[in-house]
Amino acid sequence: MSIKKDMVLLDILEKYPETEDVFHMYDERAGVCIMCSHLFDSLESVTEKYSIELDEILDKLNRAINS
């Protein structure tokens, strides 16, 4: 199983709590707590909103769940 760009953050965090640290890594870049502000948004929409490289965060999230 892997995390996909269309998944909602809440679903990712519920299924894979180990991804929380990855999301925290991007809070400073976004200027907000991503998990506090966007739990009901898709990963893709969050990355677009804050100019976060989608492939980069997907790689980090998937490594977190596979380690």
PDB file of N, CA and C in Angstrom:
ATOM      1  N   MET A   1       0.847  -1.185   0.000  1.00  0.00           N
ATOM      2  CA  MET A   1       0.000   0.000   0.000  1.00  0.00           C
ATOM      3  C   MET A   1       0.886   1.240   0.000  1.00  0.00           C
ATOM      4  N   SER A   2       0.414   2.262  -0.662  1.00  0.00           N
ATOM      5  CA  SER A   2       1.171   3.504  -0.664  1.00  0.00           C
ATOM      6  C   SER A   2       0.224   4.696  -0.611  1.00  0.00           C
ATOM      7  N   ILE A   3       0.791   5.822  -0.256  1.00  0.00           N
ATOM      8  CA  ILE A   3       0.040   7.065  -0.166  1.00  0.00           C
ATOM      9  C   ILE A   3      -0.021   7.678  -1.559  1.00  0.00           C
ATOM     10  N   LYS A   4      -1.204   8.143  -1.929  1.00  0.00           N
ATOM     11  CA  LYS A   4      -1.437   8.731  -3.249  1.00  0.00           C
ATOM     12  C   LYS A   4      -1.797  10.204  -3.107  1.00  0.00           C
ATOM     13  N   LYS A   5      -1.618  10.959  -4.175  1.00  0.00           N
ATOM     14  CA  LYS A   5      -1.833  12.403  -4.144  1.00  0.00           C
ATOM     15  C   LYS A   5      -3.271  12.804  -3.870  1.00  0.00           C
ATOM     16  N   ASP A   6      -4.231  11.953  -4.183  1.00  0.00           N
ATOM     17  CA  ASP A   6      -5.635  12.309  -3.989  1.00  0.00           C
ATOM     18  C   ASP A   6      -6.166  11.939  -2.605  1.00  0.00           C
ATOM     19  N   MET A   7      -5.328  11.387  -1.762  1.00  0.00           N
ATOM     20  CA  MET A   7      -5.759  11.014  -0.409  1.00  0.00           C
ATOM     21  C   MET A   7      -5.911  12.255   0.468  1.00  0.00           C
ATOM     22  N   VAL A   8      -6.902  12.214   1.356  1.00  0.00           N
ATOM     23  CA  VAL A   8      -7.161  13.302   2.301  1.00  0.00           C
ATOM     24  C   VAL A   8      -6.209  13.148   3.487  1.00  0.00           C
ATOM     25  N   LEU A   9      -5.701  14.263   3.990  1.00  0.00           N
ATOM     26  CA  LEU A   9      -4.723  14.217   5.078  1.00  0.00           C
ATOM     27  C   LEU A   9      -5.227  13.427   6.280  1.00  0.00           C
ATOM     28  N   LEU A  10      -6.471  13.620   6.669  1.00  0.00           N
ATOM     29  CA  LEU A  10      -7.015  12.898   7.818  1.00  0.00           C
ATOM     30  C   LEU A  10      -6.946  11.393   7.594  1.00  0.00           C
ATOM     31  N   ASP A  11      -7.278  10.948   6.395  1.00  0.00           N
ATOM     32  CA  ASP A  11      -7.217   9.518   6.079  1.00  0.00           C
ATOM     33  C   ASP A  11      -5.783   8.998   6.150  1.00  0.00           C
ATOM     34  N   ILE A  12      -4.848   9.789   5.655  1.00  0.00           N
ATOM     35  CA  ILE A  12      -3.435   9.399   5.717  1.00  0.00           C
ATOM     36  C   ILE A  12      -3.002   9.249   7.169  1.00  0.00           C
ATOM     37  N   LEU A  13      -3.318  10.249   7.988  1.00  0.00           N
ATOM     38  CA  LEU A  13      -2.882  10.241   9.385  1.00  0.00           C
ATOM     39  C   LEU A  13      -3.560   9.151  10.205  1.00  0.00           C
ATOM     40  N   GLU A  14      -4.822   8.869   9.926  1.00  0.00           N
ATOM     41  CA  GLU A  14      -5.514   7.798  10.650  1.00  0.00           C
ATOM     42  C   GLU A  14      -4.921   6.437  10.317  1.00  0.00           C
ATOM     43  N   LYS A  15      -4.646   6.225   9.045  1.00  0.00           N
ATOM     44  CA  LYS A  15      -4.125   4.932   8.611  1.00  0.00           C
ATOM     45  C   LYS A  15      -2.631   4.786   8.890  1.00  0.00           C
ATOM     46  N   TYR A  16      -1.906   5.902   8.796  1.00  0.00           N
ATOM     47  CA  TYR A  16      -0.452   5.885   8.952  1.00  0.00           C
ATOM     48  C   TYR A  16      -0.008   6.979   9.920  1.00  0.00           C
ATOM     49  N   PRO A  17      -0.195   6.803  11.215  1.00  0.00           N
ATOM     50  CA  PRO A  17       0.182   7.850  12.173  1.00  0.00           C
ATOM     51  C   PRO A  17       1.664   8.212  12.129  1.00  0.00           C
ATOM     52  N   GLU A  18       2.480   7.333  11.618  1.00  0.00           N
ATOM     53  CA  GLU A  18       3.916   7.599  11.535  1.00  0.00           C
ATOM     54  C   GLU A  18       4.249   8.702  10.527  1.00  0.00           C
ATOM     55  N   THR A  19       3.271   9.142   9.750  1.00  0.00           N
ATOM     56  CA  THR A  19       3.505  10.223   8.783  1.00  0.00           C
ATOM     57  C   THR A  19       3.422  11.608   9.417  1.00  0.00           C
ATOM     58  N   GLU A  20       2.985  11.692  10.652  1.00  0.00           N
ATOM     59  CA  GLU A  20       2.821  12.994  11.311  1.00  0.00           C
ATOM     60  C   GLU A  20       4.108  13.814  11.275  1.00  0.00           C
ATOM     61  N   ASP A  21       5.236  13.193  11.545  1.00  0.00           N
ATOM     62  CA  ASP A  21       6.518  13.913  11.540  1.00  0.00           C
ATOM     63  C   ASP A  21       6.843  14.494  10.165  1.00  0.00           C
ATOM     64  N   VAL A  22       6.470  13.789   9.117  1.00  0.00           N
ATOM     65  CA  VAL A  22       6.724  14.295   7.764  1.00  0.00           C
ATOM     66  C   VAL A  22       5.924  15.570   7.533  1.00  0.00           C
ATOM     67  N   PHE A  23       4.664  15.568   7.925  1.00  0.00           N
ATOM     68  CA  PHE A  23       3.852  16.774   7.747  1.00  0.00           C
ATOM     69  C   PHE A  23       4.414  17.942   8.552  1.00  0.00           C
ATOM     70  N   HIS A  24       4.891  17.669   9.762  1.00  0.00           N
ATOM     71  CA  HIS A  24       5.478  18.739  10.581  1.00  0.00           C
ATOM     72  C   HIS A  24       6.704  19.362   9.906  1.00  0.00           C
ATOM     73  N   MET A  25       7.422  18.585   9.110  1.00  0.00           N
ATOM     74  CA  MET A  25       8.603  19.104   8.415  1.00  0.00           C
ATOM     75  C   MET A  25       8.247  20.239   7.455  1.00  0.00           C
ATOM     76  N   TYR A  26       7.014  20.288   7.005  1.00  0.00           N
ATOM     77  CA  TYR A  26       6.595  21.286   6.017  1.00  0.00           C
ATOM     78  C   TYR A  26       5.826  22.452   6.621  1.00  0.00           C
ATOM     79  N   ASP A  27       5.588  22.444   7.918  1.00  0.00           N
ATOM     80  CA  ASP A  27       4.829  23.524   8.559  1.00  0.00           C
ATOM     81  C   ASP A  27       5.504  24.880   8.405  1.00  0.00           C
ATOM     82  N   GLU A  28       6.795  24.928   8.617  1.00  0.00           N
ATOM     83  CA  GLU A  28       7.502  26.209   8.530  1.00  0.00           C
ATOM     84  C   GLU A  28       7.448  26.759   7.102  1.00  0.00           C
ATOM     85  N   ARG A  29       7.657  25.903   6.139  1.00  0.00           N
ATOM     86  CA  ARG A  29       7.603  26.329   4.738  1.00  0.00           C
ATOM     87  C   ARG A  29       6.207  26.852   4.379  1.00  0.00           C
ATOM     88  N   ALA A  30       5.175  26.185   4.891  1.00  0.00           N
ATOM     89  CA  ALA A  30       3.799  26.595   4.603  1.00  0.00           C
ATOM     90  C   ALA A  30       3.395  27.826   5.412  1.00  0.00           C
ATOM     91  N   GLY A  31       4.029  28.013   6.557  1.00  0.00           N
ATOM     92  CA  GLY A  31       3.676  29.137   7.418  1.00  0.00           C
ATOM     93  C   GLY A  31       2.464  28.866   8.286  1.00  0.00           C
ATOM     94  N   VAL A  32       1.994  27.630   8.275  1.00  0.00           N
ATOM     95  CA  VAL A  32       0.864  27.194   9.105  1.00  0.00           C
ATOM     96  C   VAL A  32       1.102  25.748   9.520  1.00  0.00           C
ATOM     97  N   CYS A  33       0.368  25.331  10.521  1.00  0.00           N
ATOM     98  CA  CYS A  33       0.349  23.910  10.872  1.00  0.00           C
ATOM     99  C   CYS A  33      -0.537  23.226   9.829  1.00  0.00           C
ATOM    100  N   ILE A  34       0.065  22.482   8.940  1.00  0.00           N
ATOM    101  CA  ILE A  34      -0.679  21.854   7.850  1.00  0.00           C
ATOM    102  C   ILE A  34      -1.762  20.930   8.387  1.00  0.00           C
ATOM    103  N   MET A  35      -1.439  20.134   9.389  1.00  0.00           N
ATOM    104  CA  MET A  35      -2.430  19.205   9.924  1.00  0.00           C
ATOM    105  C   MET A  35      -3.554  19.932  10.653  1.00  0.00           C
ATOM    106  N   CYS A  36      -3.267  21.080  11.236  1.00  0.00           N
ATOM    107  CA  CYS A  36      -4.299  21.853  11.939  1.00  0.00           C
ATOM    108  C   CYS A  36      -5.264  22.509  10.959  1.00  0.00           C
ATOM    109  N   SER A  37      -4.746  22.928   9.826  1.00  0.00           N
ATOM    110  CA  SER A  37      -5.532  23.738   8.892  1.00  0.00           C
ATOM    111  C   SER A  37      -6.117  22.979   7.706  1.00  0.00           C
ATOM    112  N   HIS A  38      -5.597  21.780   7.420  1.00  0.00           N
ATOM    113  CA  HIS A  38      -5.986  21.119   6.162  1.00  0.00           C
ATOM    114  C   HIS A  38      -6.294  19.630   6.303  1.00  0.00           C
ATOM    115  N   LEU A  39      -6.815  19.208   7.431  1.00  0.00           N
ATOM    116  CA  LEU A  39      -7.097  17.785   7.631  1.00  0.00           C
ATOM    117  C   LEU A  39      -8.058  17.213   6.600  1.00  0.00           C
ATOM    118  N   PHE A  40      -8.947  18.037   6.070  1.00  0.00           N
ATOM    119  CA  PHE A  40      -9.975  17.537   5.158  1.00  0.00           C
ATOM    120  C   PHE A  40      -9.660  17.816   3.692  1.00  0.00           C
ATOM    121  N   ASP A  41      -8.422  18.218   3.427  1.00  0.00           N
ATOM    122  CA  ASP A  41      -7.986  18.508   2.059  1.00  0.00           C
ATOM    123  C   ASP A  41      -7.124  17.364   1.532  1.00  0.00           C
ATOM    124  N   SER A  42      -7.079  17.254   0.219  1.00  0.00           N
ATOM    125  CA  SER A  42      -6.220  16.237  -0.386  1.00  0.00           C
ATOM    126  C   SER A  42      -4.760  16.674  -0.296  1.00  0.00           C
ATOM    127  N   LEU A  43      -3.894  15.705  -0.325  1.00  0.00           N
ATOM    128  CA  LEU A  43      -2.463  15.993  -0.313  1.00  0.00           C
ATOM    129  C   LEU A  43      -2.095  16.873  -1.507  1.00  0.00           C
ATOM    130  N   GLU A  44      -2.654  16.581  -2.649  1.00  0.00           N
ATOM    131  CA  GLU A  44      -2.351  17.361  -3.847  1.00  0.00           C
ATOM    132  C   GLU A  44      -2.759  18.825  -3.685  1.00  0.00           C
ATOM    133  N   SER A  45      -3.931  19.085  -3.129  1.00  0.00           N
ATOM    134  CA  SER A  45      -4.372  20.478  -2.983  1.00  0.00           C
ATOM    135  C   SER A  45      -3.498  21.238  -1.990  1.00  0.00           C
ATOM    136  N   VAL A  46      -3.039  20.572  -0.946  1.00  0.00           N
ATOM    137  CA  VAL A  46      -2.163  21.219   0.034  1.00  0.00           C
ATOM    138  C   VAL A  46      -0.813  21.550  -0.600  1.00  0.00           C
ATOM    139  N   THR A  47      -0.276  20.624  -1.369  1.00  0.00           N
ATOM    140  CA  THR A  47       1.019  20.896  -1.999  1.00  0.00           C
ATOM    141  C   THR A  47       0.912  22.025  -3.016  1.00  0.00           C
ATOM    142  N   GLU A  48      -0.191  22.092  -3.720  1.00  0.00           N
ATOM    143  CA  GLU A  48      -0.387  23.191  -4.677  1.00  0.00           C
ATOM    144  C   GLU A  48      -0.510  24.527  -3.953  1.00  0.00           C
ATOM    145  N   LYS A  49      -1.265  24.553  -2.869  1.00  0.00           N
ATOM    146  CA  LYS A  49      -1.500  25.796  -2.122  1.00  0.00           C
ATOM    147  C   LYS A  49      -0.202  26.385  -1.584  1.00  0.00           C
ATOM    148  N   TYR A  50       0.709  25.527  -1.113  1.00  0.00           N
ATOM    149  CA  TYR A  50       1.931  25.998  -0.464  1.00  0.00           C
ATOM    150  C   TYR A  50       3.193  25.779  -1.299  1.00  0.00           C
ATOM    151  N   SER A  51       3.031  25.471  -2.569  1.00  0.00           N
ATOM    152  CA  SER A  51       4.169  25.256  -3.482  1.00  0.00           C
ATOM    153  C   SER A  51       5.154  24.227  -2.931  1.00  0.00           C
ATOM    154  N   ILE A  52       4.608  23.147  -2.427  1.00  0.00           N
ATOM    155  CA  ILE A  52       5.419  22.022  -1.948  1.00  0.00           C
ATOM    156  C   ILE A  52       5.515  21.019  -3.096  1.00  0.00           C
ATOM    157  N   GLU A  53       6.702  20.524  -3.334  1.00  0.00           N
ATOM    158  CA  GLU A  53       6.917  19.553  -4.404  1.00  0.00           C
ATOM    159  C   GLU A  53       6.184  18.251  -4.059  1.00  0.00           C
ATOM    160  N   LEU A  54       5.175  17.905  -4.859  1.00  0.00           N
ATOM    161  CA  LEU A  54       4.337  16.735  -4.592  1.00  0.00           C
ATOM    162  C   LEU A  54       5.151  15.449  -4.557  1.00  0.00           C
ATOM    163  N   ASP A  55       6.015  15.248  -5.539  1.00  0.00           N
ATOM    164  CA  ASP A  55       6.811  14.015  -5.578  1.00  0.00           C
ATOM    165  C   ASP A  55       7.714  13.885  -4.356  1.00  0.00           C
ATOM    166  N   GLU A  56       8.230  15.008  -3.891  1.00  0.00           N
ATOM    167  CA  GLU A  56       9.122  15.006  -2.722  1.00  0.00           C
ATOM    168  C   GLU A  56       8.379  14.554  -1.464  1.00  0.00           C
ATOM    169  N   ILE A  57       7.218  15.147  -1.204  1.00  0.00           N
ATOM    170  CA  ILE A  57       6.487  14.786   0.014  1.00  0.00           C
ATOM    171  C   ILE A  57       5.914  13.372  -0.095  1.00  0.00           C
ATOM    172  N   LEU A  58       5.478  12.981  -1.285  1.00  0.00           N
ATOM    173  CA  LEU A  58       4.994  11.607  -1.461  1.00  0.00           C
ATOM    174  C   LEU A  58       6.098  10.604  -1.161  1.00  0.00           C
ATOM    175  N   ASP A  59       7.296  10.887  -1.635  1.00  0.00           N
ATOM    176  CA  ASP A  59       8.429  10.007  -1.375  1.00  0.00           C
ATOM    177  C   ASP A  59       8.698   9.901   0.127  1.00  0.00           C
ATOM    178  N   LYS A  60       8.707  11.034   0.820  1.00  0.00           N
ATOM    179  CA  LYS A  60       8.968  11.021   2.262  1.00  0.00           C
ATOM    180  C   LYS A  60       7.861  10.309   3.029  1.00  0.00           C
ATOM    181  N   LEU A  61       6.616  10.542   2.641  1.00  0.00           N
ATOM    182  CA  LEU A  61       5.496   9.881   3.316  1.00  0.00           C
ATOM    183  C   LEU A  61       5.547   8.373   3.100  1.00  0.00           C
ATOM    184  N   ASN A  62       5.793   7.958   1.884  1.00  0.00           N
ATOM    185  CA  ASN A  62       5.840   6.525   1.594  1.00  0.00           C
ATOM    186  C   ASN A  62       7.041   5.846   2.241  1.00  0.00           C
ATOM    187  N   ARG A  63       8.155   6.557   2.346  1.00  0.00           N
ATOM    188  CA  ARG A  63       9.298   5.989   3.073  1.00  0.00           C
ATOM    189  C   ARG A  63       8.966   5.834   4.551  1.00  0.00           C
ATOM    190  N   ALA A  64       8.215   6.788   5.105  1.00  0.00           N
ATOM    191  CA  ALA A  64       7.844   6.718   6.523  1.00  0.00           C
ATOM    192  C   ALA A  64       6.973   5.497   6.815  1.00  0.00           C
ATOM    193  N   ILE A  65       6.087   5.148   5.899  1.00  0.00           N
ATOM    194  CA  ILE A  65       5.198   4.005   6.165  1.00  0.00           C
ATOM    195  C   ILE A  65       5.847   2.674   5.813  1.00  0.00           C
ATOM    196  N   ASN A  66       6.927   2.718   5.074  1.00  0.00           N
ATOM    197  CA  ASN A  66       7.595   1.480   4.669  1.00  0.00           C
ATOM    198  C   ASN A  66       8.883   1.209   5.429  1.00  0.00           C
ATOM    199  N   SER A  67       9.148   2.011   6.461  1.00  0.00           N
ATOM    200  CA  SER A  67      10.403   1.794   7.200  1.00  0.00           C
ATOM    201  C   SER A  67      10.160   1.091   8.511  1.00  0.00           C
TER     202      SER A  67
END
